[in-house]
Amino acid sequence: MTAYEAEVRLIRWGESSSVGPWINLELPPLQNGAGHPFRGFPTGHQHGQRFRILFEAIDDNEEPLRDPGTSPESRRPDEASSPNVDVPRPPPTHPAGAREARKTAAKEFYASLDARGRAVADAGRLTEVVAFQRFAAERSGLPPDRDTANAFILAACGVGRKREIALSETAFDAWQQLKTEFDIATGRLAEPRR
């Protein structure tokens, strides 16, 4: 494939301090047993294939939208229905290829957060840590993976989304307890004397 043109659907979008802004797109169904159009391309933050893209938002009549992203339907569910809560957002990312600059910006952003903001960031980061995935799996009886770790955090903190840890005293306290238990279980923190 040297060029790929298709109508795609935006499934999700987001931002993180580790990778910056991201999107998840749904490609059209494959026709006549054709292989995935991106099969064979390298992936990943360092070695992934680079592409030039152009997006044009269209409506169901294939007409361009004049002002996309302003209707409640075009926003993420949490933005459309949640009260206006000041939840920390990562800084804008640096140009492609500036991995060290992104790392530095992420560290500076993390350092600028208050304890609750760091709790949300830590909860997101720990879902990627294999040791935490195992910790969550042992306690939940589910397979050790990112989804199990995420579900375990949400259940332990009594929230529907990790960002709610910053909004509730009870959830924040539960997060601190969970993090302490994990740190003790993995030897990162000494067990308290009795």
Protein backbone atom coordinates (compact mmCIF):
# COMPACT_ATOMS: atom_id res chain seq x y z
CA MET A 1 0.00 0.00 0.00
CA THR A 2 1.37 3.39 -0.92
CA ALA A 3 -1.91 5.27 -0.47
CA TYR A 4 -5.08 4.38 1.40
CA GLU A 5 -8.28 6.36 1.07
CA ALA A 6 -11.42 5.41 2.96
CA GLU A 7 -14.25 6.76 5.04
CA VAL A 8 -13.40 6.04 8.66
CA ARG A 9 -15.29 6.55 11.92
CA LEU A 10 -13.78 8.21 14.98
CA ILE A 11 -14.28 5.77 17.84
CA ARG A 12 -12.37 7.50 20.63
CA TRP A 13 -9.82 10.23 21.20
CA GLY A 14 -7.78 11.26 24.17
CA GLU A 15 -4.55 12.65 25.54
CA SER A 16 -1.97 11.23 27.89
CA SER A 17 1.21 12.59 29.37
CA SER A 18 3.17 9.62 28.02
CA VAL A 19 2.11 9.61 24.36
CA GLY A 20 0.28 12.90 23.85
CA PRO A 21 -2.91 13.15 21.81
CA TRP A 22 -4.22 9.95 20.22
CA ILE A 23 -7.20 8.72 18.21
CA ASN A 24 -8.85 5.35 17.57
CA LEU A 25 -10.45 4.97 14.13
CA GLU A 26 -12.72 2.29 12.71
CA LEU A 27 -11.77 1.34 9.14
CA PRO A 28 -14.42 0.12 6.68
CA PRO A 29 -15.00 -3.65 6.41
CA LEU A 30 -12.47 -5.54 4.30
CA GLN A 31 -13.73 -6.44 0.84
CA ASN A 32 -13.37 -9.85 -0.87
CA GLY A 33 -10.94 -11.31 1.62
CA ALA A 34 -8.53 -8.40 1.30
CA GLY A 35 -5.90 -8.23 4.02
CA HIS A 36 -5.72 -5.47 6.59
CA PRO A 37 -4.44 -2.35 4.78
CA PHE A 38 -1.85 -1.68 7.50
CA ARG A 39 -0.59 -5.26 7.88
CA GLY A 40 3.18 -5.43 7.61
CA PHE A 41 3.90 -1.86 8.67
CA PRO A 42 6.07 -1.42 11.75
CA THR A 43 4.25 -0.14 14.84
CA GLY A 44 5.17 1.55 18.09
CA HIS A 45 6.19 4.96 19.36
CA GLN A 46 9.81 4.69 18.25
CA HIS A 47 9.77 2.57 15.11
CA GLY A 48 6.20 2.82 13.87
CA GLN A 49 5.56 3.70 10.23
CA ARG A 50 4.90 7.39 9.70
CA PHE A 51 1.92 8.48 7.56
CA ARG A 52 0.69 11.80 6.23
CA ILE A 53 -3.02 12.16 6.95
CA LEU A 54 -5.78 14.59 6.11
CA PHE A 55 -9.12 14.41 7.88
CA GLU A 56 -12.34 16.07 6.80
CA ALA A 57 -15.37 15.70 9.06
CA ILE A 58 -18.48 14.71 7.08
CA ASP A 59 -22.13 14.18 7.92
CA ASP A 60 -24.33 11.22 6.97
CA ASN A 61 -24.98 12.83 3.57
CA GLU A 62 -21.23 12.85 2.80
CA GLU A 63 -21.20 16.65 3.12
CA PRO A 64 -18.38 18.41 5.01
CA LEU A 65 -19.35 19.68 8.46
CA ARG A 66 -18.98 23.44 8.75
CA ASP A 67 -18.08 23.51 12.45
CA PRO A 68 -17.26 19.97 13.63
CA GLY A 69 -16.75 19.23 17.30
CA THR A 70 -19.15 21.82 18.70
CA SER A 71 -22.30 19.73 19.11
CA PRO A 72 -22.83 17.63 22.27
CA GLU A 73 -22.93 14.51 20.08
CA SER A 74 -19.38 15.14 18.88
CA ARG A 75 -17.91 15.38 22.38
CA ARG A 76 -16.73 12.53 24.53
CA PRO A 77 -19.50 11.27 26.84
CA ASP A 78 -17.72 12.55 29.94
CA GLU A 79 -17.45 16.05 28.45
CA ALA A 80 -21.05 16.18 27.25
CA SER A 81 -22.62 15.08 30.53
CA SER A 82 -20.18 15.78 33.36
CA PRO A 83 -20.14 19.01 35.31
CA ASN A 84 -17.35 21.38 34.42
CA VAL A 85 -14.63 19.92 36.63
CA ASP A 86 -11.04 21.13 36.57
CA VAL A 87 -9.27 17.84 35.86
CA PRO A 88 -5.56 18.05 35.02
CA ARG A 89 -4.74 17.75 31.33
CA PRO A 90 -1.28 17.05 29.94
CA PRO A 91 0.60 19.77 28.11
CA PRO A 92 0.65 19.81 24.31
CA THR A 93 3.16 17.40 22.84
CA HIS A 94 6.30 18.34 21.01
CA PRO A 95 6.99 17.69 17.30
CA ALA A 96 7.26 14.08 16.16
CA GLY A 97 10.63 12.52 16.90
CA ALA A 98 11.28 14.61 20.01
CA ARG A 99 10.91 11.72 22.42
CA GLU A 100 13.21 13.18 25.07
CA ALA A 101 11.35 16.49 24.94
CA ARG A 102 8.05 14.64 25.46
CA LYS A 103 9.53 12.76 28.42
CA THR A 104 10.76 15.99 29.94
CA ALA A 105 7.40 17.70 29.38
CA ALA A 106 5.59 14.72 30.93
CA LYS A 107 7.85 14.82 34.00
CA GLU A 108 7.34 18.57 34.36
CA PHE A 109 3.59 18.15 33.99
CA TYR A 110 3.54 15.39 36.62
CA ALA A 111 5.61 17.53 39.00
CA SER A 112 3.10 20.38 38.58
CA LEU A 113 0.15 18.22 39.71
CA ASP A 114 -1.23 18.22 43.23
CA ALA A 115 -1.54 14.93 45.14
CA ARG A 116 -4.94 14.15 43.62
CA GLY A 117 -3.75 14.85 40.09
CA ARG A 118 -0.73 12.60 40.66
CA ALA A 119 -3.07 9.87 41.96
CA VAL A 120 -5.02 9.95 38.68
CA ALA A 121 -1.80 9.92 36.65
CA ASP A 122 -0.37 7.06 38.75
CA ALA A 123 -3.57 5.04 38.36
CA GLY A 124 -3.34 5.40 34.58
CA ARG A 125 0.35 4.51 34.54
CA LEU A 126 -0.02 1.47 36.79
CA THR A 127 -2.47 -0.22 34.42
CA GLU A 128 0.52 -0.58 32.05
CA VAL A 129 2.87 -2.03 34.69
CA VAL A 130 3.10 -5.83 34.48
CA ALA A 131 3.72 -6.19 38.24
CA PHE A 132 0.51 -4.27 38.97
CA GLN A 133 -1.40 -6.33 36.38
CA ARG A 134 -0.29 -9.47 38.25
CA PHE A 135 -1.18 -7.88 41.61
CA ALA A 136 -4.68 -7.06 40.34
CA ALA A 137 -5.10 -10.52 38.78
CA GLU A 138 -4.14 -12.30 42.01
CA ARG A 139 -6.75 -10.35 43.95
CA SER A 140 -9.52 -10.44 41.35
CA GLY A 141 -9.10 -13.92 39.87
CA LEU A 142 -8.99 -12.48 36.36
CA PRO A 143 -6.18 -12.75 33.80
CA PRO A 144 -3.23 -10.37 34.28
CA ASP A 145 -3.69 -7.64 31.69
CA ARG A 146 -4.37 -3.93 31.35
CA ASP A 147 -8.16 -4.36 31.41
CA THR A 148 -8.00 -6.35 34.65
CA ALA A 149 -5.73 -3.73 36.23
CA ASN A 150 -8.06 -0.94 35.15
CA ALA A 151 -11.20 -2.73 36.41
CA PHE A 152 -9.44 -3.54 39.69
CA ILE A 153 -8.54 0.12 40.29
CA LEU A 154 -12.07 1.29 39.49
CA ALA A 155 -13.65 -1.30 41.78
CA ALA A 156 -11.20 -0.72 44.64
CA CYS A 157 -11.76 3.04 44.50
CA GLY A 158 -15.52 2.79 43.90
CA VAL A 159 -15.44 4.94 40.77
CA GLY A 160 -16.49 4.62 37.13
CA ARG A 161 -13.44 6.42 35.72
CA LYS A 162 -9.95 6.92 37.09
CA ARG A 163 -10.27 10.70 36.90
CA GLU A 164 -12.96 10.49 39.60
CA ILE A 165 -10.22 9.54 42.09
CA ALA A 166 -9.32 13.24 42.19
CA LEU A 167 -12.92 14.28 42.82
CA SER A 168 -13.88 12.13 45.79
CA GLU A 169 -12.22 12.00 49.21
CA THR A 170 -13.35 8.38 49.63
CA ALA A 171 -11.96 7.36 46.22
CA PHE A 172 -8.70 9.21 46.87
CA ASP A 173 -8.26 7.50 50.25
CA ALA A 174 -9.06 4.11 48.66
CA TRP A 175 -6.47 4.80 45.94
CA GLN A 176 -3.81 5.63 48.53
CA GLN A 177 -4.60 2.41 50.40
CA LEU A 178 -4.48 0.35 47.19
CA LYS A 179 -1.17 1.94 46.13
CA THR A 180 0.32 1.27 49.58
CA GLU A 181 -0.78 -2.39 49.44
CA PHE A 182 0.78 -2.76 45.99
CA ASP A 183 4.03 -1.10 47.11
CA ILE A 184 4.23 -3.44 50.13
CA ALA A 185 3.40 -6.52 48.02
CA THR A 186 6.16 -5.71 45.52
CA GLY A 187 8.75 -4.73 48.11
CA ARG A 188 8.77 -1.06 47.13
CA LEU A 189 7.64 -0.16 50.63
CA ALA A 190 8.40 -1.89 53.92
CA GLU A 191 5.50 -3.48 55.71
CA PRO A 192 4.46 -1.37 58.70
CA ARG A 193 5.44 -2.67 62.10
CA ARG A 194 2.64 -3.79 64.36
